[in-house]
C-alpha cells in the first residue's frame, strides 16, 4: 500500500497531484526512509521546519560548482556541473545559497537548472535574453543525460528556473512532450 509522503510542491505548476516535487527522507540502516505526514507530528515539526533542517544538514556537506563549458570568445562560464554529493546531489537544489552561488558564477539573475539523475545537477543562464536555441539545446542535453542515467538514479528530464536561490518555474519545451 502506498503511503503519502511528507511533501510540498516547490514549483508551480506541480507535475501532478500525485507526484511531489520534493520529499524528505532520513537515513536508516536499511537505506532511506521517506517521512510520512504523521512523522511530522512525531518529530514535533511542521513541513517548513523539516525542510529548513534538511537544507541546513545538506549545507554542511562541502559543495562546489565545476565549469563544464565556457564561451569560446569571452571565456565566461556557460555551463556548470555539480556531481560531488553522492545520492544527495539532487537535494542541493533546495539549498538557496547553493543556487545563488551558481547564479553568481554565471553572473546572471536567473539560472536554468536540471537534475537528470540523483547524482547530477547542471545549470546555465536562464535569463530572458538568452537565445531560444541555447535554451533548447540545454533541454535536449538534459534529456540525453536523463536517458543515460537510467535505472534508479534517473530523476528528471525537465529543466527548472531559479531566481534568488529559489526554484520558480518549469521550462516548457516545445514539441518535446
Foldseek 3Di string as FASTA:
>chain_A
DDAAFDADAQEPPDPDPRDGPDWDWDQDPVGTDTHGCVVCVVVVHDSVVRLVVVLVVVVVDDWDWDQPDADPPPRQGFKIKTQPPPLQRVVNLSHLVRVVRVCVSNVEQKWKWDQQFSRMIMIGHPDPPDDPVVVLVVLVVLLVSNVVVDDPGGDDSWIFMDGSSGTYHTDDDPPPD
